[in-house]
Amino acid sequence: MQVGLFQIVGDLKPTYFKNTLISHGGIRKQFDIPAILTTSTQENLNGHLPREILDICPNTTRYPRPGEVNVWDNPDFPATLRGANKTQIIVAGILTGVCTELSAQSLRAGDLSVWINFEALH
């Protein structure tokens, strides 16, 4: 969901892709689904989360990572997630085979029930 990564989405126009992500953020808000927003190397090429997502999720836990693609590879993230006391997680990311899949596999190995929001990706 980082703005610097929108350019690598090849099957959708960046504006359409961004609007889809924002719509799903609105659904999260409407149903009061807790969220952890995470970014990787946001100060560099990947960029920050879109302002619209931050506006929709003002009180959401934000978790910047220094570079790990798989959120589980950062030793602080499992503690952050477990601190939320949830057993089910919905995952979405820019690249399904990288951002989403690697994290989802590790989260499942960590005994969490994982759901992937493919609609946010397409």
PDB file of N, CA and C in Angstrom:
ATOM      1  N   MET A   1       0.812  -1.189   0.000  1.00  0.00           N
ATOM      2  CA  MET A   1       0.000   0.000   0.000  1.00  0.00           C
ATOM      3  C   MET A   1       0.860   1.259   0.000  1.00  0.00           C
ATOM      4  N   GLN A   2       2.142   1.123  -0.030  1.00  0.00           N
ATOM      5  CA  GLN A   2       3.011   2.293   0.011  1.00  0.00           C
ATOM      6  C   GLN A   2       3.048   2.972  -1.357  1.00  0.00           C
ATOM      7  N   VAL A   3       2.974   4.293  -1.346  1.00  0.00           N
ATOM      8  CA  VAL A   3       2.840   5.046  -2.591  1.00  0.00           C
ATOM      9  C   VAL A   3       3.983   4.825  -3.570  1.00  0.00           C
ATOM     10  N   GLY A   4       5.169   4.571  -3.090  1.00  0.00           N
ATOM     11  CA  GLY A   4       6.292   4.332  -3.983  1.00  0.00           C
ATOM     12  C   GLY A   4       6.196   3.014  -4.730  1.00  0.00           C
ATOM     13  N   LEU A   5       5.361   2.115  -4.253  1.00  0.00           N
ATOM     14  CA  LEU A   5       5.213   0.808  -4.891  1.00  0.00           C
ATOM     15  C   LEU A   5       4.061   0.760  -5.888  1.00  0.00           C
ATOM     16  N   PHE A   6       3.222   1.789  -5.934  1.00  0.00           N
ATOM     17  CA  PHE A   6       2.096   1.791  -6.879  1.00  0.00           C
ATOM     18  C   PHE A   6       2.572   1.631  -8.316  1.00  0.00           C
ATOM     19  N   GLN A   7       3.759   2.154  -8.619  1.00  0.00           N
ATOM     20  CA  GLN A   7       4.269   2.127  -9.979  1.00  0.00           C
ATOM     21  C   GLN A   7       4.571   0.717 -10.486  1.00  0.00           C
ATOM     22  N   ILE A   8       4.725  -0.269  -9.599  1.00  0.00           N
ATOM     23  CA  ILE A   8       5.051  -1.616 -10.044  1.00  0.00           C
ATOM     24  C   ILE A   8       3.814  -2.472 -10.303  1.00  0.00           C
ATOM     25  N   VAL A   9       2.637  -1.940 -10.020  1.00  0.00           N
ATOM     26  CA  VAL A   9       1.400  -2.664 -10.315  1.00  0.00           C
ATOM     27  C   VAL A   9       1.181  -2.573 -11.816  1.00  0.00           C
ATOM     28  N   GLY A  10       1.226  -3.705 -12.495  1.00  0.00           N
ATOM     29  CA  GLY A  10       1.160  -3.699 -13.947  1.00  0.00           C
ATOM     30  C   GLY A  10      -0.209  -3.909 -14.538  1.00  0.00           C
ATOM     31  N   ASP A  11      -1.142  -4.496 -13.797  1.00  0.00           N
ATOM     32  CA  ASP A  11      -2.432  -4.814 -14.390  1.00  0.00           C
ATOM     33  C   ASP A  11      -3.535  -3.797 -14.093  1.00  0.00           C
ATOM     34  N   LEU A  12      -3.247  -2.785 -13.311  1.00  0.00           N
ATOM     35  CA  LEU A  12      -4.219  -1.732 -13.005  1.00  0.00           C
ATOM     36  C   LEU A  12      -3.534  -0.372 -13.064  1.00  0.00           C
ATOM     37  N   LYS A  13      -4.289   0.635 -13.407  1.00  0.00           N
ATOM     38  CA  LYS A  13      -3.757   1.993 -13.352  1.00  0.00           C
ATOM     39  C   LYS A  13      -3.549   2.371 -11.889  1.00  0.00           C
ATOM     40  N   PRO A  14      -2.465   3.074 -11.579  1.00  0.00           N
ATOM     41  CA  PRO A  14      -2.169   3.410 -10.178  1.00  0.00           C
ATOM     42  C   PRO A  14      -3.322   4.100  -9.450  1.00  0.00           C
ATOM     43  N   THR A  15      -4.051   4.986 -10.121  1.00  0.00           N
ATOM     44  CA  THR A  15      -5.159   5.690  -9.467  1.00  0.00           C
ATOM     45  C   THR A  15      -6.283   4.724  -9.093  1.00  0.00           C
ATOM     46  N   TYR A  16      -6.604   3.811  -9.988  1.00  0.00           N
ATOM     47  CA  TYR A  16      -7.650   2.819  -9.705  1.00  0.00           C
ATOM     48  C   TYR A  16      -7.223   1.928  -8.546  1.00  0.00           C
ATOM     49  N   PHE A  17      -5.974   1.494  -8.577  1.00  0.00           N
ATOM     50  CA  PHE A  17      -5.447   0.643  -7.520  1.00  0.00           C
ATOM     51  C   PHE A  17      -5.520   1.355  -6.172  1.00  0.00           C
ATOM     52  N   LYS A  18      -5.086   2.595  -6.138  1.00  0.00           N
ATOM     53  CA  LYS A  18      -5.117   3.381  -4.904  1.00  0.00           C
ATOM     54  C   LYS A  18      -6.550   3.535  -4.396  1.00  0.00           C
ATOM     55  N   ASN A  19      -7.481   3.828  -5.282  1.00  0.00           N
ATOM     56  CA  ASN A  19      -8.884   3.989  -4.874  1.00  0.00           C
ATOM     57  C   ASN A  19      -9.470   2.699  -4.324  1.00  0.00           C
ATOM     58  N   THR A  20      -9.050   1.556  -4.879  1.00  0.00           N
ATOM     59  CA  THR A  20      -9.503   0.265  -4.367  1.00  0.00           C
ATOM     60  C   THR A  20      -8.999   0.065  -2.940  1.00  0.00           C
ATOM     61  N   LEU A  21      -7.741   0.385  -2.697  1.00  0.00           N
ATOM     62  CA  LEU A  21      -7.183   0.251  -1.351  1.00  0.00           C
ATOM     63  C   LEU A  21      -7.914   1.159  -0.361  1.00  0.00           C
ATOM     64  N   ILE A  22      -8.191   2.370  -0.783  1.00  0.00           N
ATOM     65  CA  ILE A  22      -8.888   3.320   0.086  1.00  0.00           C
ATOM     66  C   ILE A  22     -10.299   2.808   0.399  1.00  0.00           C
ATOM     67  N   SER A  23     -10.967   2.232  -0.591  1.00  0.00           N
ATOM     68  CA  SER A  23     -12.314   1.668  -0.376  1.00  0.00           C
ATOM     69  C   SER A  23     -12.280   0.567   0.673  1.00  0.00           C
ATOM     70  N   HIS A  24     -11.284  -0.285   0.604  1.00  0.00           N
ATOM     71  CA  HIS A  24     -11.183  -1.359   1.583  1.00  0.00           C
ATOM     72  C   HIS A  24     -10.822  -0.832   2.965  1.00  0.00           C
ATOM     73  N   GLY A  25     -10.079   0.246   3.015  1.00  0.00           N
ATOM     74  CA  GLY A  25      -9.817   0.902   4.292  1.00  0.00           C
ATOM     75  C   GLY A  25     -11.110   1.446   4.891  1.00  0.00           C
ATOM     76  N   GLY A  26     -11.990   1.955   4.043  1.00  0.00           N
ATOM     77  CA  GLY A  26     -13.290   2.449   4.496  1.00  0.00           C
ATOM     78  C   GLY A  26     -14.169   1.330   5.032  1.00  0.00           C
ATOM     79  N   ILE A  27     -14.118   0.166   4.394  1.00  0.00           N
ATOM     80  CA  ILE A  27     -14.875  -0.995   4.876  1.00  0.00           C
ATOM     81  C   ILE A  27     -14.362  -1.399   6.253  1.00  0.00           C
ATOM     82  N   ARG A  28     -13.048  -1.396   6.424  1.00  0.00           N
ATOM     83  CA  ARG A  28     -12.459  -1.723   7.720  1.00  0.00           C
ATOM     84  C   ARG A  28     -12.989  -0.787   8.794  1.00  0.00           C
ATOM     85  N   LYS A  29     -13.058   0.493   8.448  1.00  0.00           N
ATOM     86  CA  LYS A  29     -13.544   1.486   9.400  1.00  0.00           C
ATOM     87  C   LYS A  29     -15.030   1.280   9.705  1.00  0.00           C
ATOM     88  N   GLN A  30     -15.818   1.051   8.667  1.00  0.00           N
ATOM     89  CA  GLN A  30     -17.265   0.878   8.835  1.00  0.00           C
ATOM     90  C   GLN A  30     -17.592  -0.276   9.784  1.00  0.00           C
ATOM     91  N   PHE A  31     -16.844  -1.369   9.685  1.00  0.00           N
ATOM     92  CA  PHE A  31     -17.106  -2.540  10.514  1.00  0.00           C
ATOM     93  C   PHE A  31     -16.224  -2.597  11.760  1.00  0.00           C
ATOM     94  N   ASP A  32     -15.464  -1.537  11.993  1.00  0.00           N
ATOM     95  CA  ASP A  32     -14.617  -1.429  13.176  1.00  0.00           C
ATOM     96  C   ASP A  32     -13.684  -2.634  13.333  1.00  0.00           C
ATOM     97  N   ILE A  33     -13.040  -3.000  12.223  1.00  0.00           N
ATOM     98  CA  ILE A  33     -12.080  -4.102  12.227  1.00  0.00           C
ATOM     99  C   ILE A  33     -10.725  -3.537  12.636  1.00  0.00           C
ATOM    100  N   PRO A  34     -10.118  -4.076  13.688  1.00  0.00           N
ATOM    101  CA  PRO A  34      -8.808  -3.571  14.096  1.00  0.00           C
ATOM    102  C   PRO A  34      -7.778  -3.804  12.990  1.00  0.00           C
ATOM    103  N   ALA A  35      -6.786  -2.944  12.928  1.00  0.00           N
ATOM    104  CA  ALA A  35      -5.763  -3.068  11.887  1.00  0.00           C
ATOM    105  C   ALA A  35      -4.410  -2.658  12.428  1.00  0.00           C
ATOM    106  N   ILE A  36      -3.391  -3.229  11.811  1.00  0.00           N
ATOM    107  CA  ILE A  36      -2.015  -2.792  12.010  1.00  0.00           C
ATOM    108  C   ILE A  36      -1.508  -2.433  10.619  1.00  0.00           C
ATOM    109  N   LEU A  37      -1.141  -1.184  10.432  1.00  0.00           N
ATOM    110  CA  LEU A  37      -0.595  -0.746   9.153  1.00  0.00           C
ATOM    111  C   LEU A  37       0.916  -0.849   9.229  1.00  0.00           C
ATOM    112  N   THR A  38       1.507  -1.522   8.271  1.00  0.00           N
ATOM    113  CA  THR A  38       2.946  -1.725   8.316  1.00  0.00           C
ATOM    114  C   THR A  38       3.595  -1.302   7.005  1.00  0.00           C
ATOM    115  N   THR A  39       4.781  -0.751   7.103  1.00  0.00           N
ATOM    116  CA  THR A  39       5.521  -0.295   5.933  1.00  0.00           C
ATOM    117  C   THR A  39       6.956  -0.802   6.022  1.00  0.00           C
ATOM    118  N   SER A  40       7.572  -0.940   4.862  1.00  0.00           N
ATOM    119  CA  SER A  40       8.965  -1.361   4.803  1.00  0.00           C
ATOM    120  C   SER A  40       9.774  -0.275   4.103  1.00  0.00           C
ATOM    121  N   THR A  41      10.824   0.163   4.741  1.00  0.00           N
ATOM    122  CA  THR A  41      11.710   1.223   4.245  1.00  0.00           C
ATOM    123  C   THR A  41      10.929   2.383   3.637  1.00  0.00           C
ATOM    124  N   GLN A  42      10.023   2.931   4.411  1.00  0.00           N
ATOM    125  CA  GLN A  42       9.155   3.999   3.907  1.00  0.00           C
ATOM    126  C   GLN A  42       9.886   5.293   3.581  1.00  0.00           C
ATOM    127  N   GLU A  43      11.044   5.512   4.144  1.00  0.00           N
ATOM    128  CA  GLU A  43      11.787   6.741   3.870  1.00  0.00           C
ATOM    129  C   GLU A  43      12.545   6.678   2.544  1.00  0.00           C
ATOM    130  N   ASN A  44      12.564   5.526   1.910  1.00  0.00           N
ATOM    131  CA  ASN A  44      13.290   5.355   0.662  1.00  0.00           C
ATOM    132  C   ASN A  44      12.310   5.154  -0.490  1.00  0.00           C
ATOM    133  N   LEU A  45      12.656   4.306  -1.406  1.00  0.00           N
ATOM    134  CA  LEU A  45      11.893   4.066  -2.625  1.00  0.00           C
ATOM    135  C   LEU A  45      10.443   3.670  -2.376  1.00  0.00           C
ATOM    136  N   ASN A  46      10.179   2.863  -1.367  1.00  0.00           N
ATOM    137  CA  ASN A  46       8.824   2.361  -1.139  1.00  0.00           C
ATOM    138  C   ASN A  46       7.828   3.456  -0.789  1.00  0.00           C
ATOM    139  N   GLY A  47       8.253   4.462  -0.097  1.00  0.00           N
ATOM    140  CA  GLY A  47       7.379   5.575   0.256  1.00  0.00           C
ATOM    141  C   GLY A  47       6.470   5.292   1.442  1.00  0.00           C
ATOM    142  N   HIS A  48       5.681   6.292   1.769  1.00  0.00           N
ATOM    143  CA  HIS A  48       4.756   6.233   2.904  1.00  0.00           C
ATOM    144  C   HIS A  48       3.417   5.649   2.479  1.00  0.00           C
ATOM    145  N   LEU A  49       2.571   5.397   3.468  1.00  0.00           N
ATOM    146  CA  LEU A  49       1.192   5.014   3.177  1.00  0.00           C
ATOM    147  C   LEU A  49       0.463   6.230   2.622  1.00  0.00           C
ATOM    148  N   PRO A  50      -0.527   6.008   1.750  1.00  0.00           N
ATOM    149  CA  PRO A  50      -1.284   7.152   1.228  1.00  0.00           C
ATOM    150  C   PRO A  50      -1.972   7.922   2.353  1.00  0.00           C
ATOM    151  N   ARG A  51      -1.986   9.224   2.249  1.00  0.00           N
ATOM    152  CA  ARG A  51      -2.619  10.085   3.242  1.00  0.00           C
ATOM    153  C   ARG A  51      -4.073   9.664   3.485  1.00  0.00           C
ATOM    154  N   GLU A  52      -4.766   9.250   2.440  1.00  0.00           N
ATOM    155  CA  GLU A  52      -6.173   8.854   2.576  1.00  0.00           C
ATOM    156  C   GLU A  52      -6.333   7.650   3.500  1.00  0.00           C
ATOM    157  N   ILE A  53      -5.397   6.718   3.426  1.00  0.00           N
ATOM    158  CA  ILE A  53      -5.450   5.553   4.320  1.00  0.00           C
ATOM    159  C   ILE A  53      -5.205   5.994   5.759  1.00  0.00           C
ATOM    160  N   LEU A  54      -4.255   6.868   5.954  1.00  0.00           N
ATOM    161  CA  LEU A  54      -3.965   7.368   7.306  1.00  0.00           C
ATOM    162  C   LEU A  54      -5.147   8.155   7.863  1.00  0.00           C
ATOM    163  N   ASP A  55      -5.850   8.888   7.002  1.00  0.00           N
ATOM    164  CA  ASP A  55      -7.032   9.634   7.442  1.00  0.00           C
ATOM    165  C   ASP A  55      -8.168   8.702   7.843  1.00  0.00           C
ATOM    166  N   ILE A  56      -8.326   7.589   7.128  1.00  0.00           N
ATOM    167  CA  ILE A  56      -9.380   6.613   7.440  1.00  0.00           C
ATOM    168  C   ILE A  56      -9.045   5.851   8.722  1.00  0.00           C
ATOM    169  N   CYS A  57      -7.779   5.676   8.985  1.00  0.00           N
ATOM    170  CA  CYS A  57      -7.317   4.864  10.117  1.00  0.00           C
ATOM    171  C   CYS A  57      -6.500   5.701  11.098  1.00  0.00           C
ATOM    172  N   PRO A  58      -7.064   6.760  11.661  1.00  0.00           N
ATOM    173  CA  PRO A  58      -6.256   7.675  12.475  1.00  0.00           C
ATOM    174  C   PRO A  58      -5.716   7.058  13.760  1.00  0.00           C
ATOM    175  N   ASN A  59      -6.409   6.113  14.343  1.00  0.00           N
ATOM    176  CA  ASN A  59      -5.976   5.538  15.618  1.00  0.00           C
ATOM    177  C   ASN A  59      -5.460   4.112  15.466  1.00  0.00           C
ATOM    178  N   THR A  60      -5.106   3.761  14.258  1.00  0.00           N
ATOM    179  CA  THR A  60      -4.627   2.414  13.973  1.00  0.00           C
ATOM    180  C   THR A  60      -3.145   2.292  14.319  1.00  0.00           C
ATOM    181  N   THR A  61      -2.764   1.147  14.850  1.00  0.00           N
ATOM    182  CA  THR A  61      -1.360   0.891  15.137  1.00  0.00           C
ATOM    183  C   THR A  61      -0.571   0.941  13.840  1.00  0.00           C
ATOM    184  N   ARG A  62       0.499   1.707  13.825  1.00  0.00           N
ATOM    185  CA  ARG A  62       1.375   1.794  12.653  1.00  0.00           C
ATOM    186  C   ARG A  62       2.706   1.168  13.016  1.00  0.00           C
ATOM    187  N   TYR A  63       3.186   0.339  12.117  1.00  0.00           N
ATOM    188  CA  TYR A  63       4.395  -0.412  12.405  1.00  0.00           C
ATOM    189  C   TYR A  63       5.378  -0.283  11.249  1.00  0.00           C
ATOM    190  N   PRO A  64       6.302   0.676  11.319  1.00  0.00           N
ATOM    191  CA  PRO A  64       7.322   0.777  10.269  1.00  0.00           C
ATOM    192  C   PRO A  64       8.407  -0.280  10.474  1.00  0.00           C
ATOM    193  N   ARG A  65       8.816  -0.897   9.380  1.00  0.00           N
ATOM    194  CA  ARG A  65       9.892  -1.896   9.425  1.00  0.00           C
ATOM    195  C   ARG A  65      11.106  -1.336   8.701  1.00  0.00           C
ATOM    196  N   PRO A  66      12.298  -1.643   9.170  1.00  0.00           N
ATOM    197  CA  PRO A  66      13.492  -1.075   8.539  1.00  0.00           C
ATOM    198  C   PRO A  66      13.857  -1.701   7.205  1.00  0.00           C
ATOM    199  N   GLY A  67      13.165  -2.738   6.756  1.00  0.00           N
ATOM    200  CA  GLY A  67      13.511  -3.297   5.455  1.00  0.00           C
ATOM    201  C   GLY A  67      13.008  -4.701   5.202  1.00  0.00           C
ATOM    202  N   GLU A  68      12.539  -5.377   6.202  1.00  0.00           N
ATOM    203  CA  GLU A  68      12.063  -6.742   5.998  1.00  0.00           C
ATOM    204  C   GLU A  68      10.828  -6.748   5.094  1.00  0.00           C
ATOM    205  N   VAL A  69      10.790  -7.659   4.154  1.00  0.00           N
ATOM    206  CA  VAL A  69       9.617  -7.837   3.306  1.00  0.00           C
ATOM    207  C   VAL A  69       8.564  -8.623   4.075  1.00  0.00           C
ATOM    208  N   ASN A  70       8.993  -9.689   4.721  1.00  0.00           N
ATOM    209  CA  ASN A  70       8.104 -10.529   5.516  1.00  0.00           C
ATOM    210  C   ASN A  70       8.008  -9.915   6.910  1.00  0.00           C
ATOM    211  N   VAL A  71       6.809  -9.497   7.306  1.00  0.00           N
ATOM    212  CA  VAL A  71       6.648  -8.826   8.601  1.00  0.00           C
ATOM    213  C   VAL A  71       7.128  -9.689   9.770  1.00  0.00           C
ATOM    214  N   TRP A  72       7.006 -10.991   9.633  1.00  0.00           N
ATOM    215  CA  TRP A  72       7.371 -11.904  10.711  1.00  0.00           C
ATOM    216  C   TRP A  72       8.883 -11.951  10.926  1.00  0.00           C
ATOM    217  N   ASP A  73       9.659 -11.527   9.924  1.00  0.00           N
ATOM    218  CA  ASP A  73      11.119 -11.528  10.046  1.00  0.00           C
ATOM    219  C   ASP A  73      11.633 -10.431  10.974  1.00  0.00           C
ATOM    220  N   ASN A  74      10.811  -9.443  11.259  1.00  0.00           N
ATOM    221  CA  ASN A  74      11.195  -8.412  12.203  1.00  0.00           C
ATOM    222  C   ASN A  74      10.838  -8.905  13.600  1.00  0.00           C
ATOM    223  N   PRO A  75      11.792  -9.025  14.505  1.00  0.00           N
ATOM    224  CA  PRO A  75      11.515  -9.626  15.812  1.00  0.00           C
ATOM    225  C   PRO A  75      10.473  -8.881  16.650  1.00  0.00           C
ATOM    226  N   ASP A  76      10.243  -7.603  16.377  1.00  0.00           N
ATOM    227  CA  ASP A  76       9.266  -6.848  17.157  1.00  0.00           C
ATOM    228  C   ASP A  76       7.827  -7.067  16.686  1.00  0.00           C
ATOM    229  N   PHE A  77       7.647  -7.457  15.434  1.00  0.00           N
ATOM    230  CA  PHE A  77       6.282  -7.557  14.916  1.00  0.00           C
ATOM    231  C   PHE A  77       5.451  -8.648  15.574  1.00  0.00           C
ATOM    232  N   PRO A  78       5.961  -9.877  15.762  1.00  0.00           N
ATOM    233  CA  PRO A  78       5.131 -10.879  16.444  1.00  0.00           C
ATOM    234  C   PRO A  78       4.620 -10.407  17.801  1.00  0.00           C
ATOM    235  N   ALA A  79       5.461  -9.693  18.534  1.00  0.00           N
ATOM    236  CA  ALA A  79       5.037  -9.175  19.842  1.00  0.00           C
ATOM    237  C   ALA A  79       3.936  -8.129  19.673  1.00  0.00           C
ATOM    238  N   THR A  80       4.069  -7.277  18.655  1.00  0.00           N
ATOM    239  CA  THR A  80       3.048  -6.266  18.384  1.00  0.00           C
ATOM    240  C   THR A  80       1.719  -6.930  18.058  1.00  0.00           C
ATOM    241  N   LEU A  81       1.771  -7.936  17.217  1.00  0.00           N
ATOM    242  CA  LEU A  81       0.553  -8.638  16.814  1.00  0.00           C
ATOM    243  C   LEU A  81      -0.064  -9.393  17.984  1.00  0.00           C
ATOM    244  N   ARG A  82       0.755 -10.082  18.713  1.00  0.00           N
ATOM    245  CA  ARG A  82       0.236 -10.835  19.867  1.00  0.00           C
ATOM    246  C   ARG A  82      -0.312  -9.893  20.933  1.00  0.00           C
ATOM    247  N   GLY A  83       0.273  -8.696  21.034  1.00  0.00           N
ATOM    248  CA  GLY A  83      -0.223  -7.707  21.982  1.00  0.00           C
ATOM    249  C   GLY A  83      -1.631  -7.242  21.652  1.00  0.00           C
ATOM    250  N   ALA A  84      -2.013  -7.384  20.383  1.00  0.00           N
ATOM    251  CA  ALA A  84      -3.374  -7.041  19.973  1.00  0.00           C
ATOM    252  C   ALA A  84      -4.366  -8.129  20.372  1.00  0.00           C
ATOM    253  N   ASN A  85      -3.845  -9.289  20.818  1.00  0.00           N
ATOM    254  CA  ASN A  85      -4.658 -10.392  21.324  1.00  0.00           C
ATOM    255  C   ASN A  85      -5.680 -10.885  20.305  1.00  0.00           C
ATOM    256  N   LYS A  86      -5.258 -11.059  19.060  1.00  0.00           N
ATOM    257  CA  LYS A  86      -6.123 -11.561  18.001  1.00  0.00           C
ATOM    258  C   LYS A  86      -5.593 -12.892  17.494  1.00  0.00           C
ATOM    259  N   THR A  87      -6.485 -13.752  17.066  1.00  0.00           N
ATOM    260  CA  THR A  87      -6.079 -15.044  16.507  1.00  0.00           C
ATOM    261  C   THR A  87      -6.332 -15.121  15.007  1.00  0.00           C
ATOM    262  N   GLN A  88      -7.059 -14.167  14.467  1.00  0.00           N
ATOM    263  CA  GLN A  88      -7.331 -14.121  13.034  1.00  0.00           C
ATOM    264  C   GLN A  88      -6.784 -12.817  12.472  1.00  0.00           C
ATOM    265  N   ILE A  89      -6.239 -12.899  11.261  1.00  0.00           N
ATOM    266  CA  ILE A  89      -5.662 -11.710  10.642  1.00  0.00           C
ATOM    267  C   ILE A  89      -5.987 -11.712   9.160  1.00  0.00           C
ATOM    268  N   ILE A  90      -6.279 -10.530   8.636  1.00  0.00           N
ATOM    269  CA  ILE A  90      -6.490 -10.332   7.205  1.00  0.00           C
ATOM    270  C   ILE A  90      -5.249  -9.638   6.672  1.00  0.00           C
ATOM    271  N   VAL A  91      -4.671 -10.180   5.610  1.00  0.00           N
ATOM    272  CA  VAL A  91      -3.429  -9.655   5.053  1.00  0.00           C
ATOM    273  C   VAL A  91      -3.689  -9.133   3.645  1.00  0.00           C
ATOM    274  N   ALA A  92      -3.118  -7.982   3.337  1.00  0.00           N
ATOM    275  CA  ALA A  92      -3.129  -7.450   1.971  1.00  0.00           C
ATOM    276  C   ALA A  92      -1.795  -6.757   1.755  1.00  0.00           C
ATOM    277  N   GLY A  93      -1.333  -6.749   0.527  1.00  0.00           N
ATOM    278  CA  GLY A  93      -0.074  -6.102   0.195  1.00  0.00           C
ATOM    279  C   GLY A  93      -0.014  -5.823  -1.293  1.00  0.00           C
ATOM    280  N   ILE A  94       0.966  -5.069  -1.711  1.00  0.00           N
ATOM    281  CA  ILE A  94       1.085  -4.694  -3.119  1.00  0.00           C
ATOM    282  C   ILE A  94       1.380  -5.907  -3.999  1.00  0.00           C
ATOM    283  N   LEU A  95       2.381  -6.691  -3.639  1.00  0.00           N
ATOM    284  CA  LEU A  95       2.774  -7.853  -4.435  1.00  0.00           C
ATOM    285  C   LEU A  95       2.308  -9.123  -3.739  1.00  0.00           C
ATOM    286  N   THR A  96       1.336  -9.806  -4.330  1.00  0.00           N
ATOM    287  CA  THR A  96       0.760 -10.999  -3.710  1.00  0.00           C
ATOM    288  C   THR A  96       1.819 -12.043  -3.404  1.00  0.00           C
ATOM    289  N   GLY A  97       2.710 -12.329  -4.368  1.00  0.00           N
ATOM    290  CA  GLY A  97       3.698 -13.374  -4.190  1.00  0.00           C
ATOM    291  C   GLY A  97       4.847 -13.012  -3.279  1.00  0.00           C
ATOM    292  N   VAL A  98       4.949 -11.756  -2.907  1.00  0.00           N
ATOM    293  CA  VAL A  98       6.046 -11.324  -2.039  1.00  0.00           C
ATOM    294  C   VAL A  98       5.476 -10.782  -0.735  1.00  0.00           C
ATOM    295  N   CYS A  99       4.936  -9.576  -0.780  1.00  0.00           N
ATOM    296  CA  CYS A  99       4.442  -8.904   0.435  1.00  0.00           C
ATOM    297  C   CYS A  99       3.400  -9.743   1.173  1.00  0.00           C
ATOM    298  N   THR A 100       2.464 -10.293   0.437  1.00  0.00           N
ATOM    299  CA  THR A 100       1.335 -10.977   1.052  1.00  0.00           C
ATOM    300  C   THR A 100       1.653 -12.430   1.389  1.00  0.00           C
ATOM    301  N   GLU A 101       2.135 -13.171   0.410  1.00  0.00           N
ATOM    302  CA  GLU A 101       2.334 -14.610   0.593  1.00  0.00           C
ATOM    303  C   GLU A 101       3.379 -14.939   1.653  1.00  0.00           C
ATOM    304  N   LEU A 102       4.526 -14.282   1.610  1.00  0.00           N
ATOM    305  CA  LEU A 102       5.575 -14.586   2.590  1.00  0.00           C
ATOM    306  C   LEU A 102       5.088 -14.324   4.011  1.00  0.00           C
ATOM    307  N   SER A 103       4.442 -13.194   4.203  1.00  0.00           N
ATOM    308  CA  SER A 103       3.932 -12.865   5.540  1.00  0.00           C
ATOM    309  C   SER A 103       2.837 -13.832   5.958  1.00  0.00           C
ATOM    310  N   ALA A 104       1.917 -14.151   5.039  1.00  0.00           N
ATOM    311  CA  ALA A 104       0.812 -15.059   5.370  1.00  0.00           C
ATOM    312  C   ALA A 104       1.324 -16.434   5.787  1.00  0.00           C
ATOM    313  N   GLN A 105       2.305 -16.953   5.084  1.00  0.00           N
ATOM    314  CA  GLN A 105       2.867 -18.264   5.439  1.00  0.00           C
ATOM    315  C   GLN A 105       3.475 -18.233   6.843  1.00  0.00           C
ATOM    316  N   SER A 106       4.207 -17.191   7.148  1.00  0.00           N
ATOM    317  CA  SER A 106       4.826 -17.088   8.473  1.00  0.00           C
ATOM    318  C   SER A 106       3.788 -16.891   9.567  1.00  0.00           C
ATOM    319  N   LEU A 107       2.770 -16.101   9.285  1.00  0.00           N
ATOM    320  CA  LEU A 107       1.709 -15.885  10.270  1.00  0.00           C
ATOM    321  C   LEU A 107       0.979 -17.197  10.572  1.00  0.00           C
ATOM    322  N   ARG A 108       0.731 -17.992   9.525  1.00  0.00           N
ATOM    323  CA  ARG A 108       0.081 -19.300   9.732  1.00  0.00           C
ATOM    324  C   ARG A 108       0.979 -20.214  10.551  1.00  0.00           C
ATOM    325  N   ALA A 109       2.275 -20.185  10.271  1.00  0.00           N
ATOM    326  CA  ALA A 109       3.212 -20.997  11.050  1.00  0.00           C
ATOM    327  C   ALA A 109       3.247 -20.536  12.507  1.00  0.00           C
ATOM    328  N   GLY A 110       2.864 -19.284  12.741  1.00  0.00           N
ATOM    329  CA  GLY A 110       2.775 -18.740  14.098  1.00  0.00           C
ATOM    330  C   GLY A 110       1.434 -18.998  14.746  1.00  0.00           C
ATOM    331  N   ASP A 111       0.687 -19.960  14.208  1.00  0.00           N
ATOM    332  CA  ASP A 111      -0.607 -20.395  14.758  1.00  0.00           C
ATOM    333  C   ASP A 111      -1.706 -19.342  14.687  1.00  0.00           C
ATOM    334  N   LEU A 112      -1.669 -18.509  13.663  1.00  0.00           N
ATOM    335  CA  LEU A 112      -2.745 -17.546  13.445  1.00  0.00           C
ATOM    336  C   LEU A 112      -3.602 -18.007  12.270  1.00  0.00           C
ATOM    337  N   SER A 113      -4.861 -17.687  12.315  1.00  0.00           N
ATOM    338  CA  SER A 113      -5.759 -17.943  11.197  1.00  0.00           C
ATOM    339  C   SER A 113      -5.623 -16.757  10.240  1.00  0.00           C
ATOM    340  N   VAL A 114      -5.195 -17.020   9.013  1.00  0.00           N
ATOM    341  CA  VAL A 114      -4.854 -15.954   8.076  1.00  0.00           C
ATOM    342  C   VAL A 114      -5.824 -15.943   6.897  1.00  0.00           C
ATOM    343  N   TRP A 115      -6.310 -14.757   6.576  1.00  0.00           N
ATOM    344  CA  TRP A 115      -7.171 -14.530   5.421  1.00  0.00           C
ATOM    345  C   TRP A 115      -6.479 -13.492   4.550  1.00  0.00           C
ATOM    346  N   ILE A 116      -6.508 -13.705   3.242  1.00  0.00           N
ATOM    347  CA  ILE A 116      -5.875 -12.761   2.327  1.00  0.00           C
ATOM    348  C   ILE A 116      -6.962 -11.976   1.604  1.00  0.00           C
ATOM    349  N   ASN A 117      -6.853 -10.654   1.659  1.00  0.00           N
ATOM    350  CA  ASN A 117      -7.818  -9.766   0.997  1.00  0.00           C
ATOM    351  C   ASN A 117      -7.362  -9.540  -0.444  1.00  0.00           C
ATOM    352  N   PHE A 118      -7.695 -10.496  -1.319  1.00  0.00           N
ATOM    353  CA  PHE A 118      -7.298 -10.361  -2.723  1.00  0.00           C
ATOM    354  C   PHE A 118      -8.027  -9.214  -3.408  1.00  0.00           C
ATOM    355  N   GLU A 119      -9.234  -8.913  -2.978  1.00  0.00           N
ATOM    356  CA  GLU A 119      -9.994  -7.834  -3.605  1.00  0.00           C
ATOM    357  C   GLU A 119      -9.314  -6.486  -3.418  1.00  0.00           C
ATOM    358  N   ALA A 120      -8.591  -6.307  -2.328  1.00  0.00           N
ATOM    359  CA  ALA A 120      -7.877  -5.050  -2.130  1.00  0.00           C
ATOM    360  C   ALA A 120      -6.705  -4.946  -3.088  1.00  0.00           C
ATOM    361  N   LEU A 121      -6.308  -6.066  -3.649  1.00  0.00           N
ATOM    362  CA  LEU A 121      -5.148  -6.108  -4.511  1.00  0.00           C
ATOM    363  C   LEU A 121      -5.513  -5.998  -5.986  1.00  0.00           C
ATOM    364  N   HIS A 122      -6.782  -6.144  -6.327  1.00  0.00           N
ATOM    365  CA  HIS A 122      -7.178  -6.155  -7.744  1.00  0.00           C
ATOM    366  C   HIS A 122      -8.269  -5.169  -8.030  1.00  0.00           C
TER     367      HIS A 122
END
